[in-house]
N, C-alpha and C. Protein backbone atom coordinates (compact mmCIF):
# COMPACT_ATOMS: atom_id res chain seq x y z
N MET A 1 -18.84 126.03 -135.77
CA MET A 1 -18.55 127.41 -136.06
C MET A 1 -19.20 127.79 -137.39
N SER A 2 -19.76 128.97 -137.43
CA SER A 2 -20.31 129.50 -138.67
C SER A 2 -19.93 130.97 -138.76
N ALA A 3 -19.77 131.47 -139.98
CA ALA A 3 -19.38 132.86 -140.19
C ALA A 3 -19.57 133.19 -141.66
N SER A 4 -19.53 134.46 -141.95
CA SER A 4 -19.51 134.95 -143.32
C SER A 4 -18.16 135.61 -143.54
N ILE A 5 -17.80 135.80 -144.80
CA ILE A 5 -16.49 136.34 -145.14
C ILE A 5 -16.66 137.59 -145.99
N LEU A 6 -16.03 138.68 -145.55
CA LEU A 6 -16.01 139.91 -146.33
C LEU A 6 -14.70 139.93 -147.11
N LEU A 7 -14.79 139.86 -148.45
CA LEU A 7 -13.61 139.91 -149.31
C LEU A 7 -13.43 141.33 -149.81
N LEU A 8 -12.23 141.86 -149.62
CA LEU A 8 -11.93 143.23 -150.03
C LEU A 8 -11.05 143.22 -151.28
N PRO A 9 -11.14 144.26 -152.11
CA PRO A 9 -10.33 144.30 -153.34
C PRO A 9 -8.83 144.21 -153.10
N ASN A 10 -8.35 144.63 -151.92
CA ASN A 10 -6.91 144.61 -151.64
C ASN A 10 -6.42 143.26 -151.12
N ARG A 11 -7.21 142.21 -151.34
CA ARG A 11 -6.89 140.82 -150.95
C ARG A 11 -7.00 140.57 -149.45
N GLN A 12 -7.50 141.51 -148.72
CA GLN A 12 -7.76 141.27 -147.30
C GLN A 12 -9.15 140.68 -147.15
N MET A 13 -9.36 139.99 -146.05
CA MET A 13 -10.68 139.45 -145.75
C MET A 13 -10.95 139.57 -144.27
N ARG A 14 -12.22 139.67 -143.94
CA ARG A 14 -12.65 139.75 -142.54
C ARG A 14 -13.72 138.72 -142.31
N VAL A 15 -13.69 138.11 -141.16
CA VAL A 15 -14.74 137.19 -140.74
C VAL A 15 -15.80 138.01 -140.03
N VAL A 16 -17.06 137.85 -140.43
CA VAL A 16 -18.17 138.55 -139.80
C VAL A 16 -19.27 137.55 -139.49
N ASN A 17 -20.12 137.91 -138.58
CA ASN A 17 -21.27 137.06 -138.24
C ASN A 17 -22.56 137.81 -138.56
N LEU A 18 -23.41 137.17 -139.36
CA LEU A 18 -24.70 137.75 -139.67
C LEU A 18 -25.68 137.42 -138.55
N PRO A 19 -26.64 138.29 -138.30
CA PRO A 19 -27.64 138.00 -137.26
C PRO A 19 -28.46 136.77 -137.65
N ALA A 20 -28.77 135.95 -136.67
CA ALA A 20 -29.50 134.71 -136.93
C ALA A 20 -30.97 134.96 -137.24
N THR A 21 -31.55 135.99 -136.66
CA THR A 21 -32.98 136.19 -136.83
C THR A 21 -33.35 137.51 -137.49
N ALA A 22 -32.50 138.49 -137.42
CA ALA A 22 -32.84 139.81 -137.96
C ALA A 22 -32.53 139.88 -139.45
N CYS A 23 -33.04 140.89 -140.11
CA CYS A 23 -32.76 141.13 -141.52
C CYS A 23 -31.27 141.42 -141.69
N THR A 24 -30.66 140.80 -142.66
CA THR A 24 -29.22 141.00 -142.87
C THR A 24 -28.91 142.20 -143.75
N LEU A 25 -29.91 142.77 -144.40
CA LEU A 25 -29.64 143.85 -145.35
C LEU A 25 -28.99 145.07 -144.72
N PRO A 26 -29.46 145.59 -143.57
CA PRO A 26 -28.76 146.75 -142.99
C PRO A 26 -27.29 146.48 -142.68
N LEU A 27 -26.99 145.32 -142.14
CA LEU A 27 -25.60 144.97 -141.84
C LEU A 27 -24.81 144.84 -143.14
N THR A 28 -25.41 144.23 -144.15
CA THR A 28 -24.74 144.07 -145.44
C THR A 28 -24.42 145.42 -146.06
N LEU A 29 -25.37 146.34 -146.04
CA LEU A 29 -25.13 147.67 -146.58
C LEU A 29 -23.99 148.36 -145.84
N ASP A 30 -23.96 148.19 -144.53
CA ASP A 30 -22.90 148.79 -143.73
C ASP A 30 -21.54 148.17 -144.09
N LEU A 31 -21.47 146.86 -144.19
CA LEU A 31 -20.21 146.18 -144.51
C LEU A 31 -19.70 146.54 -145.90
N LEU A 32 -20.61 146.70 -146.85
CA LEU A 32 -20.22 147.04 -148.22
C LEU A 32 -20.05 148.54 -148.41
N ASN A 33 -20.41 149.32 -147.38
CA ASN A 33 -20.39 150.78 -147.46
C ASN A 33 -21.17 151.22 -148.70
N ALA A 34 -22.43 150.74 -148.77
CA ALA A 34 -23.25 150.91 -149.96
C ALA A 34 -24.65 151.40 -149.61
N PHE A 35 -25.32 151.94 -150.62
CA PHE A 35 -26.72 152.35 -150.48
C PHE A 35 -27.67 151.27 -150.95
N SER A 36 -27.17 150.34 -151.76
CA SER A 36 -27.98 149.22 -152.20
C SER A 36 -27.07 148.00 -152.33
N ALA A 37 -27.69 146.83 -152.32
CA ALA A 37 -26.92 145.59 -152.44
C ALA A 37 -27.81 144.53 -153.08
N GLU A 38 -27.18 143.63 -153.78
CA GLU A 38 -27.91 142.50 -154.34
C GLU A 38 -27.09 141.24 -154.15
N ARG A 39 -27.81 140.13 -154.00
CA ARG A 39 -27.13 138.86 -153.75
C ARG A 39 -27.13 138.01 -155.00
N HIS A 40 -25.99 137.40 -155.27
CA HIS A 40 -25.83 136.47 -156.38
C HIS A 40 -25.49 135.11 -155.80
N GLN A 41 -26.08 134.07 -156.36
CA GLN A 41 -25.78 132.72 -155.89
C GLN A 41 -24.52 132.23 -156.59
N LEU A 42 -23.56 131.76 -155.78
CA LEU A 42 -22.30 131.23 -156.31
C LEU A 42 -22.37 129.73 -156.53
N ALA A 43 -23.05 129.05 -155.63
CA ALA A 43 -23.18 127.60 -155.65
C ALA A 43 -24.38 127.27 -154.78
N PRO A 44 -24.86 126.03 -154.81
CA PRO A 44 -25.98 125.70 -153.92
C PRO A 44 -25.62 126.01 -152.46
N GLY A 45 -26.41 126.85 -151.84
CA GLY A 45 -26.19 127.20 -150.44
C GLY A 45 -25.14 128.26 -150.18
N VAL A 46 -24.54 128.83 -151.23
CA VAL A 46 -23.50 129.85 -151.07
C VAL A 46 -23.82 131.04 -151.98
N GLY A 47 -23.80 132.23 -151.40
CA GLY A 47 -24.07 133.43 -152.19
C GLY A 47 -23.09 134.53 -151.85
N MET A 48 -23.18 135.62 -152.60
CA MET A 48 -22.36 136.78 -152.29
C MET A 48 -23.17 138.04 -152.54
N TRP A 49 -23.02 138.97 -151.62
CA TRP A 49 -23.66 140.27 -151.73
C TRP A 49 -22.67 141.24 -152.35
N ILE A 50 -23.16 142.02 -153.33
CA ILE A 50 -22.34 143.03 -153.98
C ILE A 50 -23.07 144.37 -153.96
N ASP A 51 -22.34 145.43 -154.19
CA ASP A 51 -22.92 146.75 -154.40
C ASP A 51 -23.08 146.92 -155.90
N PRO A 52 -24.30 146.90 -156.44
CA PRO A 52 -24.47 146.98 -157.90
C PRO A 52 -23.99 148.31 -158.48
N ASN A 53 -23.88 149.34 -157.67
CA ASN A 53 -23.43 150.64 -158.15
C ASN A 53 -21.92 150.69 -158.36
N ARG A 54 -21.19 149.71 -157.84
CA ARG A 54 -19.73 149.68 -158.01
C ARG A 54 -19.31 148.80 -159.17
N GLN A 55 -20.25 148.21 -159.86
CA GLN A 55 -19.92 147.25 -160.91
C GLN A 55 -19.61 147.97 -162.21
N GLY A 56 -18.40 148.46 -162.36
CA GLY A 56 -18.03 149.11 -163.60
C GLY A 56 -16.75 149.88 -163.51
N LEU A 57 -16.53 150.70 -164.50
CA LEU A 57 -15.30 151.47 -164.61
C LEU A 57 -15.12 152.41 -163.43
N GLY A 58 -13.87 152.59 -163.05
CA GLY A 58 -13.56 153.54 -161.99
C GLY A 58 -13.55 152.94 -160.60
N HIS A 59 -13.79 151.65 -160.48
CA HIS A 59 -13.78 151.00 -159.17
C HIS A 59 -12.76 149.88 -159.17
N ASP A 60 -12.24 149.58 -158.00
CA ASP A 60 -11.22 148.54 -157.87
C ASP A 60 -11.82 147.16 -158.09
N THR A 61 -11.19 146.38 -158.97
CA THR A 61 -11.63 145.01 -159.20
C THR A 61 -11.34 144.18 -157.95
N ASN A 62 -12.31 143.40 -157.54
CA ASN A 62 -12.14 142.51 -156.40
C ASN A 62 -11.75 141.14 -156.95
N MET A 63 -10.44 140.94 -157.14
CA MET A 63 -9.96 139.68 -157.72
C MET A 63 -10.26 138.47 -156.84
N PRO A 64 -10.16 138.57 -155.50
CA PRO A 64 -10.54 137.41 -154.70
C PRO A 64 -11.99 136.97 -154.95
N ALA A 65 -12.92 137.92 -155.01
CA ALA A 65 -14.32 137.58 -155.26
C ALA A 65 -14.52 137.04 -156.67
N THR A 66 -13.82 137.63 -157.64
CA THR A 66 -13.92 137.17 -159.02
C THR A 66 -13.40 135.74 -159.13
N LYS A 67 -12.25 135.46 -158.53
CA LYS A 67 -11.68 134.11 -158.58
C LYS A 67 -12.55 133.11 -157.83
N LEU A 68 -13.13 133.52 -156.70
CA LEU A 68 -14.00 132.62 -155.95
C LEU A 68 -15.22 132.26 -156.78
N SER A 69 -15.79 133.23 -157.46
CA SER A 69 -16.95 132.99 -158.31
C SER A 69 -16.62 131.95 -159.38
N VAL A 70 -15.47 132.10 -160.03
CA VAL A 70 -15.05 131.14 -161.07
C VAL A 70 -14.80 129.78 -160.44
N ARG A 71 -14.16 129.76 -159.30
CA ARG A 71 -13.84 128.49 -158.61
C ARG A 71 -15.12 127.70 -158.29
N LEU A 72 -16.20 128.43 -158.01
CA LEU A 72 -17.45 127.77 -157.67
C LEU A 72 -18.35 127.54 -158.89
N GLY A 73 -17.78 127.70 -160.08
CA GLY A 73 -18.51 127.35 -161.30
C GLY A 73 -19.14 128.50 -162.04
N GLY A 74 -18.93 129.73 -161.59
CA GLY A 74 -19.49 130.88 -162.29
C GLY A 74 -18.65 131.29 -163.49
N LEU A 75 -19.22 132.13 -164.31
CA LEU A 75 -18.48 132.67 -165.44
C LEU A 75 -17.46 133.67 -164.94
N TRP A 76 -16.42 133.91 -165.74
CA TRP A 76 -15.42 134.91 -165.36
C TRP A 76 -16.01 136.28 -165.64
N VAL A 77 -16.56 136.85 -164.58
CA VAL A 77 -17.12 138.20 -164.62
C VAL A 77 -16.43 138.96 -163.50
N PRO A 78 -15.78 140.07 -163.79
CA PRO A 78 -15.11 140.79 -162.71
C PRO A 78 -16.11 141.41 -161.74
N TRP A 79 -15.84 141.27 -160.46
CA TRP A 79 -16.63 141.90 -159.41
C TRP A 79 -15.82 143.05 -158.84
N TYR A 80 -16.50 144.04 -158.32
CA TYR A 80 -15.85 145.26 -157.85
C TYR A 80 -16.25 145.58 -156.43
N GLY A 81 -15.35 146.27 -155.71
CA GLY A 81 -15.64 146.70 -154.35
C GLY A 81 -15.70 145.53 -153.38
N PRO A 82 -16.06 145.81 -152.12
CA PRO A 82 -16.18 144.74 -151.13
C PRO A 82 -17.30 143.77 -151.50
N VAL A 83 -17.11 142.51 -151.16
CA VAL A 83 -18.10 141.46 -151.44
C VAL A 83 -18.27 140.62 -150.17
N LEU A 84 -19.52 140.36 -149.79
CA LEU A 84 -19.81 139.54 -148.62
C LEU A 84 -20.23 138.15 -149.08
N VAL A 85 -19.46 137.14 -148.71
CA VAL A 85 -19.77 135.75 -149.05
C VAL A 85 -20.49 135.14 -147.85
N CYS A 86 -21.66 134.55 -148.11
CA CYS A 86 -22.48 134.02 -147.02
C CYS A 86 -23.19 132.74 -147.47
N GLY A 87 -23.86 132.13 -146.56
CA GLY A 87 -24.68 130.97 -146.86
C GLY A 87 -26.08 131.41 -147.26
N ILE A 88 -26.78 130.50 -147.92
CA ILE A 88 -28.19 130.71 -148.27
C ILE A 88 -28.95 129.50 -147.73
N ASP A 89 -29.94 129.77 -146.86
CA ASP A 89 -30.66 128.63 -146.26
C ASP A 89 -31.79 128.15 -147.17
N GLU A 90 -32.54 127.14 -146.69
CA GLU A 90 -33.60 126.52 -147.48
C GLU A 90 -34.70 127.50 -147.88
N GLN A 91 -34.90 128.56 -147.09
CA GLN A 91 -35.91 129.56 -147.39
C GLN A 91 -35.37 130.67 -148.29
N GLY A 92 -34.10 130.57 -148.69
CA GLY A 92 -33.50 131.58 -149.54
C GLY A 92 -32.96 132.78 -148.79
N LEU A 93 -32.87 132.69 -147.46
CA LEU A 93 -32.37 133.79 -146.64
C LEU A 93 -30.85 133.69 -146.48
N SER A 94 -30.21 134.84 -146.37
CA SER A 94 -28.76 134.88 -146.15
C SER A 94 -28.46 134.52 -144.71
N ARG A 95 -27.53 133.63 -144.54
CA ARG A 95 -27.08 133.19 -143.22
C ARG A 95 -25.56 133.03 -143.26
N ASP A 96 -24.96 132.85 -142.10
CA ASP A 96 -23.54 132.54 -142.07
C ASP A 96 -23.29 131.20 -142.76
N LEU A 97 -22.11 131.06 -143.33
CA LEU A 97 -21.70 129.78 -143.90
C LEU A 97 -21.61 128.75 -142.80
N THR A 98 -21.96 127.52 -143.09
CA THR A 98 -21.85 126.46 -142.10
C THR A 98 -20.39 126.06 -141.94
N ALA A 99 -20.12 125.28 -140.91
CA ALA A 99 -18.75 124.80 -140.69
C ALA A 99 -18.27 124.00 -141.90
N ASP A 100 -19.15 123.17 -142.49
CA ASP A 100 -18.76 122.39 -143.67
C ASP A 100 -18.46 123.29 -144.86
N GLN A 101 -19.28 124.33 -145.07
CA GLN A 101 -19.03 125.26 -146.17
C GLN A 101 -17.70 126.00 -145.97
N LEU A 102 -17.46 126.44 -144.74
CA LEU A 102 -16.20 127.12 -144.44
C LEU A 102 -15.01 126.20 -144.68
N ARG A 103 -15.14 124.95 -144.27
CA ARG A 103 -14.06 123.97 -144.45
C ARG A 103 -13.80 123.76 -145.95
N ASP A 104 -14.87 123.70 -146.76
CA ASP A 104 -14.71 123.52 -148.20
C ASP A 104 -14.06 124.74 -148.86
N LEU A 105 -14.38 125.94 -148.38
CA LEU A 105 -13.85 127.17 -148.96
C LEU A 105 -12.48 127.55 -148.40
N ALA A 106 -12.12 127.03 -147.23
CA ALA A 106 -10.90 127.47 -146.55
C ALA A 106 -9.63 127.37 -147.40
N PRO A 107 -9.36 126.24 -148.09
CA PRO A 107 -8.12 126.18 -148.86
C PRO A 107 -8.05 127.28 -149.92
N PHE A 108 -9.15 127.54 -150.58
CA PHE A 108 -9.16 128.57 -151.60
C PHE A 108 -9.02 129.95 -150.99
N LEU A 109 -9.74 130.21 -149.90
CA LEU A 109 -9.67 131.53 -149.25
C LEU A 109 -8.26 131.80 -148.73
N LEU A 110 -7.58 130.77 -148.24
CA LEU A 110 -6.21 130.96 -147.75
C LEU A 110 -5.26 131.33 -148.90
N ARG A 111 -5.46 130.75 -150.07
CA ARG A 111 -4.63 131.10 -151.23
C ARG A 111 -4.89 132.53 -151.69
N LEU A 112 -6.11 133.02 -151.50
CA LEU A 112 -6.43 134.38 -151.92
C LEU A 112 -5.65 135.43 -151.14
N SER A 113 -5.39 135.12 -149.88
CA SER A 113 -4.75 136.10 -149.02
C SER A 113 -3.22 136.12 -149.16
N SER A 114 -2.66 135.16 -149.87
CA SER A 114 -1.19 135.11 -149.99
C SER A 114 -0.70 135.77 -151.25
């Protein structure tokens, strides 16, 4: 099983599947309800897409995404709005997280939702 995870500021999350061969940017923009998006690497093989226009005052802090970033070794930087957590393949393309990546993230993701 492989999938990506959409983390929402209200502590909800959705499982989504990225297309295997098509460009993921249109789907990412739709999921983030954004006009632009940029990807940040969280760990080797794991990234997250954010809406750079939501990064600041007046937007809801996405604590699940912020905590996940810190858990994976990032600095404590608050993230805002919806965030899409996905895998990054050898060519640097966004893909669904592998079963092993999901298994590694599952305990932490389950704590985020409680």
